[in-house]
Structures are given as structure tokens and as C-alpha cells.
Protein backbone atom coordinates (compact mmCIF):
# COMPACT_ATOMS: atom_id res chain seq x y z
CA MET A 1 21.76 172.38 129.56
CA SER A 2 24.82 174.37 130.52
CA GLY A 3 26.02 171.39 132.54
CA ASN A 4 26.04 169.13 129.45
CA LYS A 5 28.11 171.46 127.29
CA PRO A 6 31.53 170.10 128.43
CA PHE A 7 30.45 166.57 127.59
CA ALA A 8 29.19 167.66 124.20
CA VAL A 9 32.42 169.47 123.47
CA LEU A 10 34.42 166.42 124.57
CA ALA A 11 32.32 164.13 122.39
CA LEU A 12 32.77 166.48 119.45
CA LEU A 13 36.52 166.53 119.94
CA VAL A 14 36.64 162.75 120.14
CA LEU A 15 34.59 162.50 116.93
CA LEU A 16 36.83 164.99 115.15
CA GLY A 17 39.93 163.11 116.34
CA TYR A 18 38.53 159.83 115.09
CA LEU A 19 37.63 161.39 111.74
CA ALA A 20 41.14 162.85 111.47
CA SER A 21 42.80 159.50 112.28
CA SER A 22 40.56 157.77 109.75
CA SER A 23 41.45 160.34 107.11
CA LEU A 24 45.22 160.32 107.59
CA TYR A 25 47.66 157.49 106.87
CA THR A 26 51.44 157.20 106.57
CA VAL A 27 53.53 155.47 103.95
CA SER A 28 56.94 154.16 105.07
CA GLU A 29 60.09 153.99 103.00
CA VAL A 30 59.78 150.23 102.43
CA GLU A 31 56.19 150.08 101.19
CA GLN A 32 53.77 151.41 98.63
CA VAL A 33 50.02 151.85 99.09
CA ILE A 34 46.90 151.09 97.07
CA ILE A 35 43.74 152.92 98.18
CA THR A 36 40.54 150.93 97.68
CA GLN A 37 36.96 152.13 97.91
CA PHE A 38 34.43 149.39 98.53
CA GLY A 39 37.14 146.86 97.53
CA LYS A 40 38.09 148.55 94.25
CA PRO A 41 41.32 150.50 93.73
CA VAL A 42 40.93 154.27 93.32
CA GLY A 43 43.54 156.72 92.16
CA GLU A 44 47.21 156.02 91.51
CA PRO A 45 49.42 153.95 93.81
CA VAL A 46 51.22 155.96 96.49
CA THR A 47 54.90 155.11 96.23
CA GLU A 48 56.48 158.02 98.10
CA ALA A 49 56.93 157.95 101.86
CA GLY A 50 55.00 160.51 103.93
CA LEU A 51 51.63 161.50 105.38
CA ASN A 52 48.57 161.29 103.10
CA LEU A 53 44.77 161.79 103.17
CA LYS A 54 41.91 159.46 102.31
CA LEU A 55 38.16 159.42 102.75
CA PRO A 56 37.30 158.07 106.17
CA PHE A 57 35.25 154.91 106.60
CA ILE A 58 34.75 154.18 102.88
CA GLN A 59 38.41 153.99 101.77
CA ASP A 60 40.97 151.42 102.96
CA VAL A 61 44.78 151.42 102.86
CA ASN A 62 46.49 148.36 101.32
CA ALA A 63 50.23 148.34 101.95
CA ILE A 64 52.46 146.51 99.49
CA ASP A 65 56.13 145.80 100.16
CA LYS A 66 58.54 147.40 97.70
CA ARG A 67 61.73 145.74 99.02
CA ILE A 68 63.51 142.86 97.33
CA LEU A 69 61.68 139.71 98.36
CA GLU A 70 62.78 136.10 98.59
CA TRP A 71 61.36 133.02 96.96
CA ASP A 72 62.72 129.68 98.20
CA GLY A 73 61.29 126.66 96.41
CA ASN A 74 60.93 123.18 97.83
CA PRO A 75 63.21 120.42 96.48
CA SER A 76 61.53 118.73 93.54
CA ASP A 77 62.38 115.52 91.67
CA MET A 78 62.64 115.83 87.91
CA PRO A 79 64.26 113.87 85.05
CA THR A 80 67.17 115.08 82.94
CA LYS A 81 67.61 114.53 79.22
CA ASP A 82 69.73 111.42 79.89
CA LYS A 83 66.89 109.94 82.03
CA LEU A 84 68.46 110.51 85.45
CA TYR A 85 66.12 111.66 88.22
CA ILE A 86 67.57 114.45 90.31
CA SER A 87 66.29 116.54 93.21
CA VAL A 88 66.52 120.26 92.39
CA ASP A 89 66.33 122.99 95.03
CA LEU A 90 65.94 126.52 93.61
CA PHE A 91 65.78 130.04 95.03
CA ALA A 92 65.01 133.44 93.48
CA ARG A 93 64.79 137.16 94.30
CA TRP A 94 61.93 139.39 93.11
CA ARG A 95 60.17 142.68 93.77
CA ILE A 96 56.87 144.40 93.00
CA THR A 97 57.28 147.06 90.31
CA ASP A 98 53.62 147.59 89.35
CA PRO A 99 51.65 147.64 92.62
CA LEU A 100 48.27 148.22 90.95
CA GLN A 101 48.62 145.25 88.60
CA TYR A 102 50.00 143.17 91.45
CA PHE A 103 47.04 144.06 93.66
CA LEU A 104 44.47 143.35 90.93
CA ARG A 105 45.98 139.98 89.97
CA LEU A 106 47.38 138.62 93.24
CA ARG A 107 46.25 140.80 96.15
CA ASP A 108 48.90 139.61 98.65
CA GLU A 109 52.35 138.07 98.98
CA ARG A 110 51.01 134.63 99.77
CA SER A 111 49.29 134.44 96.38
CA ALA A 112 52.44 135.77 94.73
CA GLN A 113 54.58 133.06 96.34
CA SER A 114 52.13 130.40 95.17
CA ARG A 115 52.18 131.74 91.60
CA LEU A 116 56.00 131.84 91.65
CA ASP A 117 56.00 128.22 92.80
CA ASP A 118 54.00 127.25 89.72
CA ILE A 119 55.92 129.33 87.17
CA LEU A 120 59.47 128.78 88.40
CA GLY A 121 58.85 125.09 89.09
CA SER A 122 57.45 124.57 85.59
CA GLU A 123 60.27 126.43 83.84
CA THR A 124 62.89 124.63 85.90
CA ARG A 125 61.39 121.26 85.00
CA ASN A 126 61.36 122.19 81.30
CA ALA A 127 64.98 123.36 81.37
CA VAL A 128 66.24 120.30 83.25
CA ALA A 129 64.42 117.95 80.86
CA LYS A 130 66.17 119.59 77.87
CA HIS A 131 69.73 119.17 79.21
CA GLU A 132 71.88 116.30 80.35
CA LEU A 133 72.99 116.03 83.95
CA ILE A 134 76.58 117.16 83.26
CA GLU A 135 75.24 120.42 81.76
CA ILE A 136 73.39 121.21 84.99
CA ILE A 137 76.16 120.23 87.39
CA ARG A 138 79.10 121.91 85.67
CA THR A 139 79.22 125.69 86.10
CA THR A 140 80.70 126.88 82.79
CA LYS A 141 82.05 125.14 79.72
CA GLY A 142 85.37 127.06 79.74
CA ARG A 143 86.58 125.69 83.08
CA VAL A 144 90.08 124.18 83.01
CA PRO A 145 90.77 121.62 85.77
CA LEU A 146 93.93 121.46 87.81
CA ARG A 147 96.09 118.48 86.84
CA ASP A 148 98.50 116.61 89.06
CA ALA A 149 102.09 117.63 88.37
CA LEU A 150 103.16 114.02 88.96
CA LEU A 151 101.35 112.81 85.82
CA THR A 152 103.73 111.57 83.16
CA ALA A 153 103.64 112.71 79.54
CA ALA A 154 102.04 109.42 78.53
CA GLN A 155 99.31 109.82 81.16
CA ARG A 156 98.65 113.38 80.01
CA GLU A 157 98.23 112.13 76.45
CA MET A 158 95.67 109.62 77.76
CA ASP A 159 93.55 112.60 78.95
CA ILE A 160 93.77 111.55 82.58
CA GLY A 161 92.27 114.35 84.68
CA THR A 162 90.46 116.12 81.82
CA LEU A 163 86.79 117.13 82.02
CA VAL A 164 83.97 115.88 79.83
CA PRO A 165 83.17 118.64 77.30
CA ILE A 166 79.84 120.45 77.69
CA GLN A 167 77.86 122.86 75.52
CA LYS A 168 76.31 125.26 78.04
CA GLY A 169 76.79 124.63 81.74
CA ARG A 170 74.69 125.49 84.81
CA GLU A 171 75.11 129.24 84.41
CA LEU A 172 73.44 129.32 80.99
CA VAL A 173 70.73 126.90 82.12
CA GLU A 174 69.91 129.30 84.98
CA LYS A 175 69.72 132.15 82.49
CA GLU A 176 67.29 130.15 80.33
CA ILE A 177 65.02 129.58 83.34
CA PHE A 178 65.30 133.24 84.32
CA SER A 179 64.41 134.53 80.83
CA ALA A 180 61.38 132.28 80.46
CA ALA A 181 60.05 132.91 83.97
CA ALA A 182 60.65 136.68 83.93
CA GLU A 183 58.26 137.11 80.99
CA LYS A 184 55.51 135.17 82.70
CA VAL A 185 55.68 136.95 86.07
CA ARG A 186 55.83 140.42 84.53
CA VAL A 187 52.07 140.36 83.87
CA PHE A 188 51.53 140.21 87.65
CA GLY A 189 53.48 143.43 88.22
CA ILE A 190 56.50 141.45 89.45
CA GLU A 191 60.11 141.86 88.34
CA LEU A 192 62.23 138.73 88.66
CA LEU A 193 65.73 139.80 89.70
CA ASP A 194 67.71 136.59 89.94
CA ILE A 195 67.39 132.83 90.06
CA ARG A 196 69.93 130.19 91.18
CA PHE A 197 70.23 126.48 91.82
CA LYS A 198 70.73 126.05 95.56
CA ARG A 199 71.25 122.29 95.57
CA ILE A 200 71.21 119.48 93.02
CA ASN A 201 71.21 115.92 94.27
CA TYR A 202 70.48 112.46 92.93
CA ASN A 203 67.08 110.98 93.58
CA GLU A 204 67.07 108.39 96.36
CA SER A 205 66.00 105.63 93.97
CA VAL A 206 68.92 106.10 91.56
CA ARG A 207 71.59 107.25 94.05
CA PRO A 208 72.90 103.70 94.83
CA LYS A 209 73.21 102.94 91.10
CA ILE A 210 75.08 106.19 90.51
CA TYR A 211 77.43 105.49 93.40
CA ASP A 212 78.05 101.96 92.13
CA ARG A 213 78.88 103.31 88.69
CA MET A 214 81.23 105.91 90.18
CA ILE A 215 82.94 103.20 92.24
CA SER A 216 83.28 101.00 89.15
CA GLU A 217 84.80 103.84 87.13
CA ARG A 218 87.27 104.70 89.88
CA ARG A 219 88.14 101.02 90.24
CA GLN A 220 88.87 100.81 86.50
CA ILE A 221 91.13 103.84 86.78
CA ALA A 222 92.87 102.31 89.82
CA GLU A 223 93.38 99.00 88.00
CA ARG A 224 94.81 100.85 85.01
CA PHE A 225 97.23 102.71 87.26
CA LEU A 226 98.09 99.44 89.01
CA SER A 227 98.74 97.73 85.68
CA GLU A 228 100.91 100.60 84.52
CA GLY A 229 102.74 100.52 87.85
CA ASN A 230 103.38 96.78 87.59
CA GLY A 231 104.68 97.22 84.05
CA GLU A 232 106.94 100.04 85.15
CA ALA A 233 108.16 97.95 88.10
CA ALA A 234 108.97 95.02 85.77
CA ARG A 235 110.83 97.36 83.44
CA ILE A 236 112.82 98.79 86.36
CA ARG A 237 113.67 95.29 87.62
CA GLY A 238 114.76 94.24 84.14
CA ASN A 239 116.96 97.30 83.81
CA ARG A 240 118.40 96.58 87.25
CA GLU A 241 119.29 92.99 86.31
CA ARG A 242 120.79 94.13 83.02
CA ASP A 243 122.82 96.87 84.68
CA LEU A 244 123.94 94.46 87.42
CA ASN A 245 125.11 91.86 84.88
CA LYS A 246 126.85 94.57 82.91
CA ILE A 247 128.63 95.84 86.04
CA GLN A 248 129.64 92.32 87.09
CA SER A 249 130.90 91.51 83.59
CA GLU A 250 132.84 94.74 83.41
CA ALA A 251 134.28 94.14 86.89
CA TYR A 252 135.29 90.56 85.98
CA ARG A 253 136.95 91.80 82.80
CA GLN A 254 138.85 94.43 84.71
CA VAL A 255 139.87 91.86 87.36
CA GLU A 256 141.17 89.48 84.71
CA GLU A 257 143.05 92.27 82.96
CA ILE A 258 144.63 93.33 86.26
CA ARG A 259 145.44 89.71 87.11
CA GLY A 260 147.00 89.13 83.69
CA LEU A 261 149.06 92.28 83.98
CA ALA A 262 150.12 91.22 87.48
CA ASP A 263 151.12 87.75 86.30
CA ALA A 264 153.03 89.23 83.40
CA LYS A 265 154.74 91.66 85.72
CA ALA A 266 155.57 88.86 88.18
CA ALA A 267 156.92 86.68 85.37
CA GLU A 268 158.97 89.62 84.20
CA ILE A 269 160.36 90.10 87.69
CA TYR A 270 161.08 86.39 88.05
CA ALA A 271 162.75 86.30 84.66
CA GLY A 272 164.84 89.32 85.50
CA ALA A 273 165.87 87.76 88.81
CA TYR A 274 166.67 84.24 87.62
CA ASN A 275 168.23 85.03 84.24
CA GLN A 276 171.25 86.68 85.77
CA SER A 277 173.31 83.40 85.71
CA PRO A 278 172.96 79.66 84.78
CA GLU A 279 172.88 78.79 88.45
CA ALA A 280 169.99 81.22 89.00
CA VAL A 281 168.12 79.64 86.10
CA ALA A 282 168.64 76.18 87.53
CA LEU A 283 167.47 77.39 90.94
CA TYR A 284 164.34 78.94 89.39
CA GLU A 285 163.51 75.70 87.58
CA PHE A 286 164.02 73.72 90.76
CA THR A 287 161.86 75.98 92.95
CA ARG A 288 159.07 76.14 90.40
CA THR A 289 159.12 72.35 90.04
CA MET A 290 159.02 71.91 93.81
CA GLN A 291 156.04 74.30 93.98
CA ALA A 292 154.24 72.22 91.36
CA TYR A 293 154.64 68.90 93.25
CA PRO A 294 152.09 69.64 96.07
CA SER A 295 149.41 70.59 93.54
CA ILE A 296 150.08 67.45 91.44
CA ILE A 297 150.84 64.77 94.02
CA GLY A 298 148.27 64.05 96.72
CA GLN A 299 148.05 61.44 99.50
CA ASN A 300 146.51 58.77 97.27
CA THR A 301 147.97 59.91 93.95
CA THR A 302 149.63 57.46 91.57
CA LEU A 303 151.87 58.97 88.88
CA VAL A 304 153.34 57.28 85.86
CA LEU A 305 156.28 59.44 84.74
CA SER A 306 158.93 59.05 82.11
CA SER A 307 162.44 58.94 83.52
CA ASP A 308 163.48 61.45 80.89
CA GLY A 309 160.82 64.00 81.83
CA ASP A 310 161.57 67.34 83.46
CA LEU A 311 159.23 66.58 86.35
CA PHE A 312 160.95 63.27 87.20
CA LYS A 313 164.56 64.38 86.97
CA TYR A 314 164.53 65.87 90.49
CA LEU A 315 162.94 62.72 91.90
CA ASN A 316 165.39 60.39 90.17
CA GLY A 317 168.25 61.19 92.52
CA ILE A 318 166.30 60.84 95.77
CA ALA A 319 167.30 57.80 97.81
CA PRO A 320 164.51 55.55 99.10
CA ASP A 321 163.50 55.73 102.76
CA GLN A 322 165.21 52.66 104.41
CA SER A 323 163.00 52.88 107.47
CA ARG A 324 159.97 52.01 105.31
CA GLY A 325 161.62 48.98 103.73
CA GLY A 326 162.67 50.62 100.47
CA GLN A 327 159.18 51.73 99.48
């Protein structure tokens, strides 16, 4: 018997160690614990970190995360108020604030994620169906767009570059979804912290039609700009022709004035030079008449002149050319 005592002591120590390990449990800083006895919760939830005791064998430790958790929904197609199908991708942040209620209603995070899928998906569908697409895409209704500094005053008056007015915007729609969903998840011991649209896209079936409409709208704007540009170009060309004609007319007038003044000045100089004596006057008349002959008489010109005329008097005294037979 004395030889079996060490083994008995060792077995007793092992049993005591096992009982101690089954009676002690630790709670970390990122979790809270529900103690269950035969599957039913007993006592209050343990929310403080540290070492704690429980009944061995008949009580179990159920750890529940108390950190901020993530919910990331799958993209879902849903119609807007203006009958456009869009694909909405949503995400949210939540945490467990009532671990006992959470454990009784959901048990684990997988069930919680499934319940959030149902609640958030339903509330998102309801909110999207109550608003037009522009309300969901635009962030806030007070946004002022940047406008091109090259726009003219007339183009600014035509509201080129302005945004379509909205009543709420995506931010308020997100708040509506958050308010409705937060009330429904609170009964599960869950606090909904935030909810946001991650991505909004057109449904594949309507995307080509939307793109065609966008192209058509941009084409109309381009044609309007092109028409305005052509009109402005025609106006500029008309102004150019008018200014050119005005400049040419003004230049011609100035040329004629200068030419008239020059002729008057030349006549004055000639008069001053040839009026000094009767002989000078006679010389002036003779030279001017001789200068006029080449412009009047050509190679095949026939003149009928009076013998008393001023133009003929200088020809009257010229003897005929005898070498040509008196012609």
C-alpha cells in the first residue's frame, strides 16, 4: 500500500488541477462573457477583463466580442422612385451593447450578420424606393458647383453648368436608413453606429439606355455650343467686312483729299511760275497743250477740229512732211 501512495497523490493533484482549470476562466479586454448552465444563462454578463470563477463541468463560458464590428452587405438591385433600377452596395458598423439580450436572441455573430442583412437590406430598399435617383447620388442639397470662368454672361444666364435642385441628398437618405434600422436592431442588444452607401451603380439592363441618354444630352449641349459659335463667327466676319470697308472708304477719302490738295498746290505753283510775264503764260499754254496731244491723238485717231480752236492753233502753222507726199 505504501508503494501506491505516490501515484494516489499524483492522481489527486491532477484531479485538483483539472478542477481548478475548469473553475477558472479569463476575460480579455475585447470581449464580454455570458455564463450558461445547462444551456441557460446564469448571473449577470461579465464585462470587465480579469480572472473569474465558475462551477466546473456544469457551467460554460460564452465569449461575446465587444469591439466595433463590420457589416458589409452584398450589392442588391432595387428601383428608385423614378423607376430606375440601380445596384446599391451598403456597409455599416455596429457593436453589442446588451450581451445577455444578444445571446438570448441571436447566440452568435453569424446569426447577427444574417439579421442585419435582412433589416438593413429592407430599410435600404424602402428608402431608395421613396426617393428619385438624383437624391441618392448627390451628397447634399447645398452644394455649389464650380463654373468655367470662360462662360459668357449670356451662357451663365442660360444656367449652363448649374445643378438640378434636390430636396434631401444622399446624406439625409443615409440618416433615414440609419434611424429606421437602429430601432429594429436595438431589440437584439445591438447598437448601430453608422451606415453608408459604398457604391451606387446602374443596373446592367438599364445602363446602355442611361448612357445613350447621357450621350444625347451632351450632344445637344455640344450642338448648342456649335450653333452659338457659328453665330458668333458670322457676327465677327460681318464686323470684319464692315470695318474693312470703312477703313478702305476712309483711306480712299484721305487719298483723294491729299491728291486734290496736291493738284491745287501744283496748280498754284504752276500759276505762280507762269504768270510772271506774258511770254511765260504763252509758254505754259504751249507746254500744257503739247502734253495733252499724246493722250488725245493715238496711232489710228481721226480728229475733226475747228481751225479757230485753241487745240488746233499750234498745229495750224506746222508744215506738211514733203517726204510723205504732203500727207
